[in-house]
PDB file of N, CA and C in Angstrom:
ATOM      1  N   MET A   1       0.963  -1.511  -0.055  1.00  0.00           N
ATOM      2  CA  MET A   1      -0.216   0.036   0.121  1.00  0.00           C
ATOM      3  C   MET A   1       0.662   1.299  -0.360  1.00  0.00           C
ATOM      4  N   ILE A   2       0.302   2.666  -0.944  1.00  0.00           N
ATOM      5  CA  ILE A   2       0.821   3.930  -0.677  1.00  0.00           C
ATOM      6  C   ILE A   2       0.301   4.715   0.120  1.00  0.00           C
ATOM      7  N   TYR A   3       0.545   5.333   0.840  1.00  0.00           N
ATOM      8  CA  TYR A   3       0.191   6.515   1.717  1.00  0.00           C
ATOM      9  C   TYR A   3       0.071   7.664   0.724  1.00  0.00           C
ATOM     10  N   ALA A   4      -1.120   7.868   0.205  1.00  0.00           N
ATOM     11  CA  ALA A   4      -1.296   8.730  -0.563  1.00  0.00           C
ATOM     12  C   ALA A   4      -1.684  10.547   0.106  1.00  0.00           C
ATOM     13  N   CYS A   5      -2.047  10.299   1.076  1.00  0.00           N
ATOM     14  CA  CYS A   5      -2.596  11.848   1.565  1.00  0.00           C
ATOM     15  C   CYS A   5      -3.605  11.707   3.103  1.00  0.00           C
ATOM     16  N   HIS A   6      -3.800  12.706   3.632  1.00  0.00           N
ATOM     17  CA  HIS A   6      -4.785  12.704   4.348  1.00  0.00           C
ATOM     18  C   HIS A   6      -6.193  12.755   4.342  1.00  0.00           C
ATOM     19  N   LEU A   7      -7.232  12.232   4.644  1.00  0.00           N
ATOM     20  CA  LEU A   7      -8.513  12.788   3.752  1.00  0.00           C
ATOM     21  C   LEU A   7      -9.113  14.444   3.918  1.00  0.00           C
ATOM     22  N   GLU A   8      -8.550  14.888   5.313  1.00  0.00           N
ATOM     23  CA  GLU A   8      -8.862  16.340   5.097  1.00  0.00           C
ATOM     24  C   GLU A   8      -8.387  17.286   3.683  1.00  0.00           C
ATOM     25  N   ASN A   9      -7.459  16.650   3.104  1.00  0.00           N
ATOM     26  CA  ASN A   9      -6.239  17.325   1.971  1.00  0.00           C
ATOM     27  C   ASN A   9      -6.715  16.757   0.804  1.00  0.00           C
ATOM     28  N   LEU A  10      -7.996  16.018   0.789  1.00  0.00           N
ATOM     29  CA  LEU A  10      -8.325  15.782  -0.488  1.00  0.00           C
ATOM     30  C   LEU A  10     -10.446  15.975  -0.512  1.00  0.00           C
ATOM     31  N   PRO A  11     -10.827  16.835  -0.378  1.00  0.00           N
ATOM     32  CA  PRO A  11     -11.870  17.919  -0.140  1.00  0.00           C
ATOM     33  C   PRO A  11     -12.871  16.981  -1.143  1.00  0.00           C
ATOM     34  N   GLN A  12     -14.351  16.741  -1.180  1.00  0.00           N
ATOM     35  CA  GLN A  12     -15.376  16.424  -1.933  1.00  0.00           C
ATOM     36  C   GLN A  12     -14.778  17.108  -3.534  1.00  0.00           C
ATOM     37  N   GLY A  13     -15.005  16.505  -4.479  1.00  0.00           N
ATOM     38  CA  GLY A  13     -15.102  17.112  -5.663  1.00  0.00           C
ATOM     39  C   GLY A  13     -13.646  17.149  -6.293  1.00  0.00           C
ATOM     40  N   GLU A  14     -12.710  16.747  -5.608  1.00  0.00           N
ATOM     41  CA  GLU A  14     -10.887  17.526  -6.013  1.00  0.00           C
ATOM     42  C   GLU A  14     -10.174  16.182  -6.181  1.00  0.00           C
ATOM     43  N   SER A  15      -9.275  15.977  -6.825  1.00  0.00           N
ATOM     44  CA  SER A  15      -8.183  14.966  -7.034  1.00  0.00           C
ATOM     45  C   SER A  15      -6.734  15.502  -6.755  1.00  0.00           C
ATOM     46  N   LEU A  16      -6.116  14.744  -7.197  1.00  0.00           N
ATOM     47  CA  LEU A  16      -4.471  14.683  -6.612  1.00  0.00           C
ATOM     48  C   LEU A  16      -3.891  13.390  -7.560  1.00  0.00           C
ATOM     49  N   ARG A  17      -2.689  13.705  -7.677  1.00  0.00           N
ATOM     50  CA  ARG A  17      -1.681  12.631  -8.664  1.00  0.00           C
ATOM     51  C   ARG A  17      -0.769  11.910  -8.086  1.00  0.00           C
ATOM     52  N   VAL A  18      -1.174  10.677  -7.380  1.00  0.00           N
ATOM     53  CA  VAL A  18       0.001  10.148  -6.248  1.00  0.00           C
ATOM     54  C   VAL A  18       1.029   9.370  -7.269  1.00  0.00           C
ATOM     55  N   MET A  19       2.154   9.444  -6.678  1.00  0.00           N
ATOM     56  CA  MET A  19       3.696   8.789  -7.733  1.00  0.00           C
ATOM     57  C   MET A  19       3.462   7.507  -7.375  1.00  0.00           C
ATOM     58  N   ALA A  20       3.584   6.476  -7.977  1.00  0.00           N
ATOM     59  CA  ALA A  20       4.239   5.084  -7.756  1.00  0.00           C
ATOM     60  C   ALA A  20       4.744   4.805  -8.776  1.00  0.00           C
ATOM     61  N   ASP A  21       4.665   3.288  -9.092  1.00  0.00           N
ATOM     62  CA  ASP A  21       5.438   2.653 -10.381  1.00  0.00           C
ATOM     63  C   ASP A  21       4.862   3.536 -11.260  1.00  0.00           C
ATOM     64  N   VAL A  22       3.453   3.737 -11.532  1.00  0.00           N
ATOM     65  CA  VAL A  22       2.905   4.511 -12.533  1.00  0.00           C
ATOM     66  C   VAL A  22       1.929   5.836 -11.764  1.00  0.00           C
ATOM     67  N   PRO A  23       2.150   6.835 -12.190  1.00  0.00           N
ATOM     68  CA  PRO A  23       1.066   7.647 -11.597  1.00  0.00           C
ATOM     69  C   PRO A  23      -0.281   7.310 -11.553  1.00  0.00           C
ATOM     70  N   ILE A  24      -1.107   7.621 -10.495  1.00  0.00           N
ATOM     71  CA  ILE A  24      -2.325   7.506 -10.072  1.00  0.00           C
ATOM     72  C   ILE A  24      -2.942   8.547  -9.525  1.00  0.00           C
ATOM     73  N   ALA A  25      -4.245   8.533 -10.212  1.00  0.00           N
ATOM     74  CA  ALA A  25      -5.238   9.713 -10.191  1.00  0.00           C
ATOM     75  C   ALA A  25      -5.908   9.347  -8.654  1.00  0.00           C
ATOM     76  N   LEU A  26      -5.993   9.869  -7.756  1.00  0.00           N
ATOM     77  CA  LEU A  26      -7.016   9.846  -6.873  1.00  0.00           C
ATOM     78  C   LEU A  26      -7.941  11.226  -6.735  1.00  0.00           C
ATOM     79  N   PHE A  27      -9.494  10.676  -6.367  1.00  0.00           N
ATOM     80  CA  PHE A  27     -10.619  11.404  -6.539  1.00  0.00           C
ATOM     81  C   PHE A  27     -11.100  11.698  -5.222  1.00  0.00           C
ATOM     82  N   ASN A  28     -12.040  12.386  -4.909  1.00  0.00           N
ATOM     83  CA  ASN A  28     -12.955  12.442  -4.200  1.00  0.00           C
ATOM     84  C   ASN A  28     -14.368  12.524  -4.897  1.00  0.00           C
ATOM     85  N   ALA A  29     -15.159  11.588  -5.145  1.00  0.00           N
ATOM     86  CA  ALA A  29     -16.364  11.709  -5.844  1.00  0.00           C
ATOM     87  C   ALA A  29     -17.671  11.622  -4.252  1.00  0.00           C
ATOM     88  N   ASP A  30     -17.961  13.134  -4.499  1.00  0.00           N
ATOM     89  CA  ASP A  30     -19.005  12.812  -3.624  1.00  0.00           C
ATOM     90  C   ASP A  30     -18.881  12.231  -2.256  1.00  0.00           C
ATOM     91  N   GLY A  31     -17.437  11.988  -1.788  1.00  0.00           N
ATOM     92  CA  GLY A  31     -17.198  11.429  -0.548  1.00  0.00           C
ATOM     93  C   GLY A  31     -16.880  10.042  -0.096  1.00  0.00           C
ATOM     94  N   GLU A  32     -16.650   9.226  -1.359  1.00  0.00           N
ATOM     95  CA  GLU A  32     -16.098   7.935  -2.130  1.00  0.00           C
ATOM     96  C   GLU A  32     -14.868   8.277  -3.267  1.00  0.00           C
ATOM     97  N   ILE A  33     -13.794   7.823  -2.285  1.00  0.00           N
ATOM     98  CA  ILE A  33     -12.551   7.937  -2.846  1.00  0.00           C
ATOM     99  C   ILE A  33     -12.187   6.913  -3.796  1.00  0.00           C
ATOM    100  N   TYR A  34     -11.904   7.218  -4.834  1.00  0.00           N
ATOM    101  CA  TYR A  34     -11.171   6.724  -6.216  1.00  0.00           C
ATOM    102  C   TYR A  34     -10.133   6.353  -6.145  1.00  0.00           C
ATOM    103  N   ALA A  35      -9.166   5.223  -7.152  1.00  0.00           N
ATOM    104  CA  ALA A  35      -7.598   5.574  -7.682  1.00  0.00           C
ATOM    105  C   ALA A  35      -7.959   4.833  -9.069  1.00  0.00           C
ATOM    106  N   VAL A  36      -7.566   5.358 -10.207  1.00  0.00           N
ATOM    107  CA  VAL A  36      -7.190   4.645 -11.303  1.00  0.00           C
ATOM    108  C   VAL A  36      -5.775   5.571 -11.854  1.00  0.00           C
ATOM    109  N   ASP A  37      -5.342   4.798 -12.426  1.00  0.00           N
ATOM    110  CA  ASP A  37      -3.955   5.234 -13.996  1.00  0.00           C
ATOM    111  C   ASP A  37      -4.189   6.639 -13.786  1.00  0.00           C
ATOM    112  N   ASP A  38      -3.363   7.756 -13.739  1.00  0.00           N
ATOM    113  CA  ASP A  38      -3.676   8.868 -13.846  1.00  0.00           C
ATOM    114  C   ASP A  38      -3.207   9.110 -15.590  1.00  0.00           C
ATOM    115  N   THR A  39      -3.000   8.434 -16.557  1.00  0.00           N
ATOM    116  CA  THR A  39      -2.571   8.176 -17.742  1.00  0.00           C
ATOM    117  C   THR A  39      -3.967   8.548 -18.481  1.00  0.00           C
ATOM    118  N   CYS A  40      -4.307   9.187 -19.418  1.00  0.00           N
ATOM    119  CA  CYS A  40      -5.900   8.473 -20.111  1.00  0.00           C
ATOM    120  C   CYS A  40      -5.596   7.979 -21.099  1.00  0.00           C
ATOM    121  N   THR A  41      -5.961   6.386 -21.412  1.00  0.00           N
ATOM    122  CA  THR A  41      -5.924   5.652 -21.991  1.00  0.00           C
ATOM    123  C   THR A  41      -5.995   5.940 -24.060  1.00  0.00           C
ATOM    124  N   HIS A  42      -6.828   7.147 -24.175  1.00  0.00           N
ATOM    125  CA  HIS A  42      -6.886   7.772 -25.884  1.00  0.00           C
ATOM    126  C   HIS A  42      -5.209   8.256 -25.793  1.00  0.00           C
ATOM    127  N   GLN A  43      -4.834   9.053 -25.188  1.00  0.00           N
ATOM    128  CA  GLN A  43      -3.589   9.774 -25.440  1.00  0.00           C
ATOM    129  C   GLN A  43      -3.390  10.295 -23.940  1.00  0.00           C
ATOM    130  N   ASN A  44      -1.720  10.845 -23.953  1.00  0.00           N
ATOM    131  CA  ASN A  44      -1.219  11.375 -22.523  1.00  0.00           C
ATOM    132  C   ASN A  44      -1.627  12.284 -22.021  1.00  0.00           C
ATOM    133  N   ALA A  45      -2.188  12.252 -20.843  1.00  0.00           N
ATOM    134  CA  ALA A  45      -2.980  13.445 -20.588  1.00  0.00           C
ATOM    135  C   ALA A  45      -3.463  12.847 -18.830  1.00  0.00           C
ATOM    136  N   SER A  46      -3.330  13.675 -18.166  1.00  0.00           N
ATOM    137  CA  SER A  46      -3.196  13.655 -16.786  1.00  0.00           C
ATOM    138  C   SER A  46      -4.829  13.603 -16.027  1.00  0.00           C
ATOM    139  N   LEU A  47      -5.165  12.245 -15.927  1.00  0.00           N
ATOM    140  CA  LEU A  47      -6.684  12.420 -15.494  1.00  0.00           C
ATOM    141  C   LEU A  47      -6.867  13.366 -14.158  1.00  0.00           C
ATOM    142  N   SER A  48      -5.864  13.719 -13.775  1.00  0.00           N
ATOM    143  CA  SER A  48      -6.336  14.144 -12.193  1.00  0.00           C
ATOM    144  C   SER A  48      -6.578  15.925 -12.262  1.00  0.00           C
ATOM    145  N   GLU A  49      -5.972  16.098 -13.926  1.00  0.00           N
ATOM    146  CA  GLU A  49      -6.343  17.250 -13.910  1.00  0.00           C
ATOM    147  C   GLU A  49      -7.652  17.621 -14.553  1.00  0.00           C
ATOM    148  N   GLY A  50      -8.795  16.151 -15.192  1.00  0.00           N
ATOM    149  CA  GLY A  50      -9.800  16.791 -15.472  1.00  0.00           C
ATOM    150  C   GLY A  50     -10.565  17.159 -14.861  1.00  0.00           C
ATOM    151  N   TRP A  51     -12.060  17.027 -14.998  1.00  0.00           N
ATOM    152  CA  TRP A  51     -13.141  17.469 -15.003  1.00  0.00           C
ATOM    153  C   TRP A  51     -13.849  16.462 -14.405  1.00  0.00           C
ATOM    154  N   LEU A  52     -14.220  16.285 -13.173  1.00  0.00           N
ATOM    155  CA  LEU A  52     -14.715  15.615 -11.794  1.00  0.00           C
ATOM    156  C   LEU A  52     -16.252  15.902 -12.313  1.00  0.00           C
ATOM    157  N   GLU A  53     -17.273  14.910 -12.504  1.00  0.00           N
ATOM    158  CA  GLU A  53     -18.676  14.616 -12.220  1.00  0.00           C
ATOM    159  C   GLU A  53     -19.226  13.544 -11.612  1.00  0.00           C
ATOM    160  N   GLY A  54     -19.844  13.426 -10.816  1.00  0.00           N
ATOM    161  CA  GLY A  54     -20.241  12.459  -9.933  1.00  0.00           C
ATOM    162  C   GLY A  54     -18.877  11.502  -9.991  1.00  0.00           C
ATOM    163  N   CYS A  55     -19.266  10.138 -10.340  1.00  0.00           N
ATOM    164  CA  CYS A  55     -18.234   9.036 -10.576  1.00  0.00           C
ATOM    165  C   CYS A  55     -17.413   8.998 -11.937  1.00  0.00           C
ATOM    166  N   HIS A  56     -17.643  10.277 -12.816  1.00  0.00           N
ATOM    167  CA  HIS A  56     -16.721  10.081 -13.960  1.00  0.00           C
ATOM    168  C   HIS A  56     -15.946  11.546 -14.034  1.00  0.00           C
ATOM    169  N   ILE A  57     -14.631  10.863 -14.591  1.00  0.00           N
ATOM    170  CA  ILE A  57     -13.885  11.862 -15.110  1.00  0.00           C
ATOM    171  C   ILE A  57     -13.408  12.362 -16.148  1.00  0.00           C
ATOM    172  N   GLU A  58     -13.491  13.578 -16.404  1.00  0.00           N
ATOM    173  CA  GLU A  58     -13.236  13.421 -18.147  1.00  0.00           C
ATOM    174  C   GLU A  58     -11.828  14.443 -18.400  1.00  0.00           C
ATOM    175  N   CYS A  59     -11.432  13.371 -19.583  1.00  0.00           N
ATOM    176  CA  CYS A  59      -9.943  13.665 -19.917  1.00  0.00           C
ATOM    177  C   CYS A  59      -9.615  15.348 -20.345  1.00  0.00           C
ATOM    178  N   PRO A  60      -8.878  15.987 -20.019  1.00  0.00           N
ATOM    179  CA  PRO A  60      -8.599  17.738 -20.474  1.00  0.00           C
ATOM    180  C   PRO A  60      -8.644  17.864 -21.581  1.00  0.00           C
ATOM    181  N   LEU A  61      -7.455  16.851 -22.095  1.00  0.00           N
ATOM    182  CA  LEU A  61      -7.361  16.319 -23.598  1.00  0.00           C
ATOM    183  C   LEU A  61      -8.074  16.574 -24.706  1.00  0.00           C
ATOM    184  N   HIS A  62      -8.998  15.427 -25.051  1.00  0.00           N
ATOM    185  CA  HIS A  62     -10.113  15.236 -25.992  1.00  0.00           C
ATOM    186  C   HIS A  62     -11.239  14.915 -25.395  1.00  0.00           C
ATOM    187  N   GLU A  63     -11.647  15.161 -24.292  1.00  0.00           N
ATOM    188  CA  GLU A  63     -12.979  14.974 -23.746  1.00  0.00           C
ATOM    189  C   GLU A  63     -13.386  13.308 -23.045  1.00  0.00           C
ATOM    190  N   ALA A  64     -12.500  12.551 -23.222  1.00  0.00           N
ATOM    191  CA  ALA A  64     -12.863  10.952 -23.200  1.00  0.00           C
ATOM    192  C   ALA A  64     -13.074  10.780 -21.941  1.00  0.00           C
ATOM    193  N   ALA A  65     -14.046  10.209 -21.475  1.00  0.00           N
ATOM    194  CA  ALA A  65     -14.545  10.124 -20.079  1.00  0.00           C
ATOM    195  C   ALA A  65     -14.633   8.559 -19.840  1.00  0.00           C
ATOM    196  N   PHE A  66     -14.130   8.381 -18.013  1.00  0.00           N
ATOM    197  CA  PHE A  66     -13.999   7.026 -17.241  1.00  0.00           C
ATOM    198  C   PHE A  66     -15.275   7.308 -16.454  1.00  0.00           C
ATOM    199  N   ASP A  67     -15.949   5.977 -16.086  1.00  0.00           N
ATOM    200  CA  ASP A  67     -16.252   6.067 -14.887  1.00  0.00           C
ATOM    201  C   ASP A  67     -15.358   5.311 -13.634  1.00  0.00           C
ATOM    202  N   LEU A  68     -15.608   5.789 -12.632  1.00  0.00           N
ATOM    203  CA  LEU A  68     -14.399   5.758 -11.549  1.00  0.00           C
ATOM    204  C   LEU A  68     -14.542   4.938 -11.224  1.00  0.00           C
ATOM    205  N   ARG A  69     -15.876   3.906 -10.944  1.00  0.00           N
ATOM    206  CA  ARG A  69     -15.747   2.473 -10.178  1.00  0.00           C
ATOM    207  C   ARG A  69     -15.223   1.057 -11.063  1.00  0.00           C
ATOM    208  N   THR A  70     -15.303   1.676 -12.214  1.00  0.00           N
ATOM    209  CA  THR A  70     -15.083   0.495 -12.699  1.00  0.00           C
ATOM    210  C   THR A  70     -13.531   0.369 -13.762  1.00  0.00           C
ATOM    211  N   GLY A  71     -13.421   1.797 -14.235  1.00  0.00           N
ATOM    212  CA  GLY A  71     -12.615   2.353 -15.105  1.00  0.00           C
ATOM    213  C   GLY A  71     -12.804   2.027 -16.280  1.00  0.00           C
ATOM    214  N   GLN A  72     -14.242   1.318 -16.889  1.00  0.00           N
ATOM    215  CA  GLN A  72     -14.378   2.047 -18.297  1.00  0.00           C
ATOM    216  C   GLN A  72     -14.758   3.136 -18.956  1.00  0.00           C
ATOM    217  N   PRO A  73     -14.905   3.339 -20.055  1.00  0.00           N
ATOM    218  CA  PRO A  73     -14.710   4.512 -21.034  1.00  0.00           C
ATOM    219  C   PRO A  73     -16.363   4.847 -21.228  1.00  0.00           C
ATOM    220  N   THR A  74     -17.177   5.907 -20.696  1.00  0.00           N
ATOM    221  CA  THR A  74     -18.121   5.725 -21.159  1.00  0.00           C
ATOM    222  C   THR A  74     -18.613   6.934 -22.277  1.00  0.00           C
ATOM    223  N   CYS A  75     -17.231   7.431 -23.014  1.00  0.00           N
ATOM    224  CA  CYS A  75     -17.469   8.312 -24.260  1.00  0.00           C
ATOM    225  C   CYS A  75     -16.048   8.309 -25.239  1.00  0.00           C
ATOM    226  N   LEU A  76     -16.163   8.398 -26.224  1.00  0.00           N
ATOM    227  CA  LEU A  76     -14.639   8.745 -27.510  1.00  0.00           C
ATOM    228  C   LEU A  76     -14.607   9.644 -27.046  1.00  0.00           C
ATOM    229  N   PRO A  77     -13.594   9.625 -27.086  1.00  0.00           N
ATOM    230  CA  PRO A  77     -12.408   9.021 -28.586  1.00  0.00           C
ATOM    231  C   PRO A  77     -11.584   7.679 -27.595  1.00  0.00           C
ATOM    232  N   ALA A  78     -12.005   7.440 -26.260  1.00  0.00           N
ATOM    233  CA  ALA A  78     -11.505   5.995 -25.179  1.00  0.00           C
ATOM    234  C   ALA A  78     -12.063   5.324 -25.406  1.00  0.00           C
ATOM    235  N   LYS A  79     -11.176   4.391 -26.164  1.00  0.00           N
ATOM    236  CA  LYS A  79     -11.862   3.103 -26.243  1.00  0.00           C
ATOM    237  C   LYS A  79     -11.724   1.607 -25.245  1.00  0.00           C
ATOM    238  N   ARG A  80     -10.465   2.362 -24.769  1.00  0.00           N
ATOM    239  CA  ARG A  80      -9.336   1.086 -23.436  1.00  0.00           C
ATOM    240  C   ARG A  80      -9.866   1.494 -22.429  1.00  0.00           C
ATOM    241  N   PRO A  81     -10.466   0.880 -20.443  1.00  0.00           N
ATOM    242  CA  PRO A  81     -10.413   1.375 -19.906  1.00  0.00           C
ATOM    243  C   PRO A  81      -9.173   1.619 -19.721  1.00  0.00           C
ATOM    244  N   VAL A  82      -9.428   2.556 -18.011  1.00  0.00           N
ATOM    245  CA  VAL A  82      -8.379   2.616 -16.935  1.00  0.00           C
ATOM    246  C   VAL A  82      -8.284   1.588 -15.854  1.00  0.00           C
ATOM    247  N   ARG A  83      -6.811   1.211 -15.347  1.00  0.00           N
ATOM    248  CA  ARG A  83      -6.650   0.616 -14.102  1.00  0.00           C
ATOM    249  C   ARG A  83      -7.593   1.241 -13.113  1.00  0.00           C
ATOM    250  N   THR A  84      -7.798   0.651 -12.609  1.00  0.00           N
ATOM    251  CA  THR A  84      -8.813   0.787 -11.364  1.00  0.00           C
ATOM    252  C   THR A  84      -7.816  -0.193  -9.738  1.00  0.00           C
ATOM    253  N   TYR A  85      -7.593   0.910  -8.533  1.00  0.00           N
ATOM    254  CA  TYR A  85      -7.144   0.436  -7.779  1.00  0.00           C
ATOM    255  C   TYR A  85      -8.019   0.391  -6.257  1.00  0.00           C
ATOM    256  N   GLN A  86      -7.753  -0.454  -5.601  1.00  0.00           N
ATOM    257  CA  GLN A  86      -8.602  -0.523  -4.424  1.00  0.00           C
ATOM    258  C   GLN A  86      -8.041   0.717  -3.258  1.00  0.00           C
ATOM    259  N   VAL A  87      -8.832   1.512  -2.324  1.00  0.00           N
ATOM    260  CA  VAL A  87      -8.279   2.964  -1.840  1.00  0.00           C
ATOM    261  C   VAL A  87      -8.926   2.144  -0.141  1.00  0.00           C
ATOM    262  N   THR A  88      -7.807   2.328   0.795  1.00  0.00           N
ATOM    263  CA  THR A  88      -8.249   2.348   1.953  1.00  0.00           C
ATOM    264  C   THR A  88      -8.286   3.902   3.178  1.00  0.00           C
ATOM    265  N   VAL A  89      -9.017   3.526   3.799  1.00  0.00           N
ATOM    266  CA  VAL A  89      -9.106   5.029   4.935  1.00  0.00           C
ATOM    267  C   VAL A  89      -8.922   4.511   5.934  1.00  0.00           C
ATOM    268  N   ASP A  90      -8.106   4.890   6.698  1.00  0.00           N
ATOM    269  CA  ASP A  90      -7.802   4.227   7.920  1.00  0.00           C
ATOM    270  C   ASP A  90      -8.554   4.925   9.076  1.00  0.00           C
ATOM    271  N   GLU A  91      -8.785   4.599  10.351  1.00  0.00           N
ATOM    272  CA  GLU A  91      -9.598   5.200  11.657  1.00  0.00           C
ATOM    273  C   GLU A  91      -9.123   6.836  11.625  1.00  0.00           C
ATOM    274  N   ASP A  92      -8.000   7.166  11.203  1.00  0.00           N
ATOM    275  CA  ASP A  92      -7.208   8.522  11.562  1.00  0.00           C
ATOM    276  C   ASP A  92      -7.285   8.932   9.760  1.00  0.00           C
ATOM    277  N   GLY A  93      -7.883   8.783   9.143  1.00  0.00           N
ATOM    278  CA  GLY A  93      -8.049   9.386   7.863  1.00  0.00           C
ATOM    279  C   GLY A  93      -7.301   9.778   6.727  1.00  0.00           C
ATOM    280  N   GLY A  94      -6.027   8.365   6.907  1.00  0.00           N
ATOM    281  CA  GLY A  94      -4.951   8.271   6.065  1.00  0.00           C
ATOM    282  C   GLY A  94      -5.839   7.932   4.932  1.00  0.00           C
ATOM    283  N   VAL A  95      -5.707   8.112   3.288  1.00  0.00           N
ATOM    284  CA  VAL A  95      -5.323   7.442   2.485  1.00  0.00           C
ATOM    285  C   VAL A  95      -5.014   6.616   2.078  1.00  0.00           C
ATOM    286  N   TYR A  96      -4.552   5.781   1.905  1.00  0.00           N
ATOM    287  CA  TYR A  96      -3.702   4.631   1.019  1.00  0.00           C
ATOM    288  C   TYR A  96      -4.560   3.829  -0.131  1.00  0.00           C
ATOM    289  N   VAL A  97      -3.524   3.635  -1.058  1.00  0.00           N
ATOM    290  CA  VAL A  97      -3.917   3.183  -2.293  1.00  0.00           C
ATOM    291  C   VAL A  97      -3.168   1.883  -2.243  1.00  0.00           C
ATOM    292  N   HIS A  98      -3.694   0.363  -3.177  1.00  0.00           N
ATOM    293  CA  HIS A  98      -3.281  -0.385  -2.971  1.00  0.00           C
ATOM    294  C   HIS A  98      -2.621  -0.544  -4.160  1.00  0.00           C
ATOM    295  N   ALA A  99      -1.580   0.293  -4.497  1.00  0.00           N
ATOM    296  CA  ALA A  99      -1.140   0.359  -5.751  1.00  0.00           C
ATOM    297  C   ALA A  99      -0.053  -1.406  -6.344  1.00  0.00           C
ATOM    298  N   THR A 100       0.570  -2.134  -5.336  1.00  0.00           N
ATOM    299  CA  THR A 100       1.041  -3.076  -5.939  1.00  0.00           C
ATOM    300  C   THR A 100       0.123  -4.287  -6.523  1.00  0.00           C
ATOM    301  N   ALA A 101      -1.368  -3.995  -5.395  1.00  0.00           N
ATOM    302  CA  ALA A 101      -2.148  -5.544  -6.538  1.00  0.00           C
ATOM    303  C   ALA A 101      -3.328  -4.472  -6.889  1.00  0.00           C
ATOM    304  N   PRO A 102      -3.953  -4.013  -7.758  1.00  0.00           N
ATOM    305  CA  PRO A 102      -4.859  -3.392  -8.731  1.00  0.00           C
ATOM    306  C   PRO A 102      -6.106  -4.293  -8.320  1.00  0.00           C
ATOM    307  N   GLU A 103      -7.531  -3.402  -8.167  1.00  0.00           N
ATOM    308  CA  GLU A 103      -8.533  -4.306  -7.489  1.00  0.00           C
ATOM    309  C   GLU A 103      -8.764  -4.815  -8.436  1.00  0.00           C
ATOM    310  N   ARG A 104      -8.996  -4.569  -9.787  1.00  0.00           N
ATOM    311  CA  ARG A 104      -9.479  -5.469 -11.213  1.00  0.00           C
ATOM    312  C   ARG A 104      -8.420  -3.970 -12.267  1.00  0.00           C
ATOM    313  N   ILE A 105      -8.202  -5.127 -13.744  1.00  0.00           N
ATOM    314  CA  ILE A 105      -7.339  -4.994 -14.067  1.00  0.00           C
ATOM    315  C   ILE A 105      -8.611  -5.044 -15.787  1.00  0.00           C
ATOM    316  N   THR A 106      -9.450  -3.957 -15.815  1.00  0.00           N
ATOM    317  CA  THR A 106     -10.298  -4.198 -17.485  1.00  0.00           C
ATOM    318  C   THR A 106      -9.386  -4.629 -18.441  1.00  0.00           C
ATOM    319  N   GLU A 107      -9.492  -5.206 -19.422  1.00  0.00           N
ATOM    320  CA  GLU A 107      -9.236  -5.048 -20.285  1.00  0.00           C
ATOM    321  C   GLU A 107     -10.255  -5.001 -21.650  1.00  0.00           C
ATOM    322  N   GLY A 108      -9.985  -4.291 -22.780  1.00  0.00           N
ATOM    323  CA  GLY A 108     -11.051  -3.666 -23.301  1.00  0.00           C
ATOM    324  C   GLY A 108     -10.750  -3.982 -25.020  1.00  0.00           C
ATOM    325  N   ALA A 109     -10.852  -4.119 -25.817  1.00  0.00           N
ATOM    326  CA  ALA A 109     -10.559  -3.864 -27.277  1.00  0.00           C
ATOM    327  C   ALA A 109     -10.198  -2.367 -27.298  1.00  0.00           C
ATOM    328  N   ALA A 110      -9.533  -2.509 -28.351  1.00  0.00           N
ATOM    329  CA  ALA A 110      -8.773  -1.232 -28.487  1.00  0.00           C
ATOM    330  C   ALA A 110      -9.192  -0.445 -29.503  1.00  0.00           C
TER     331      ALA A 110
END
């Protein structure tokens, strides 16, 4: 597990980039914390710099969007999902990303 931040440093509707083996984007979507690979599968852009709406993140480059719960793209031009990671918030508010073992790796057609 990788310590990402304290929960109070990730307010609702905000995101941050966590450096790991691959960059990870962490989001607080309506009080739920989600983590996905930070790089859009359509083109090299940081999803943590995108627009968060509910459980969806829109890439800042070409407006591809992904469901943070599953990693699946919800509109073109993205066709491949992003990897999602399990997140744990401890009793002290520490936010941890299980980056060494992804919650699921979803593969889709290119």
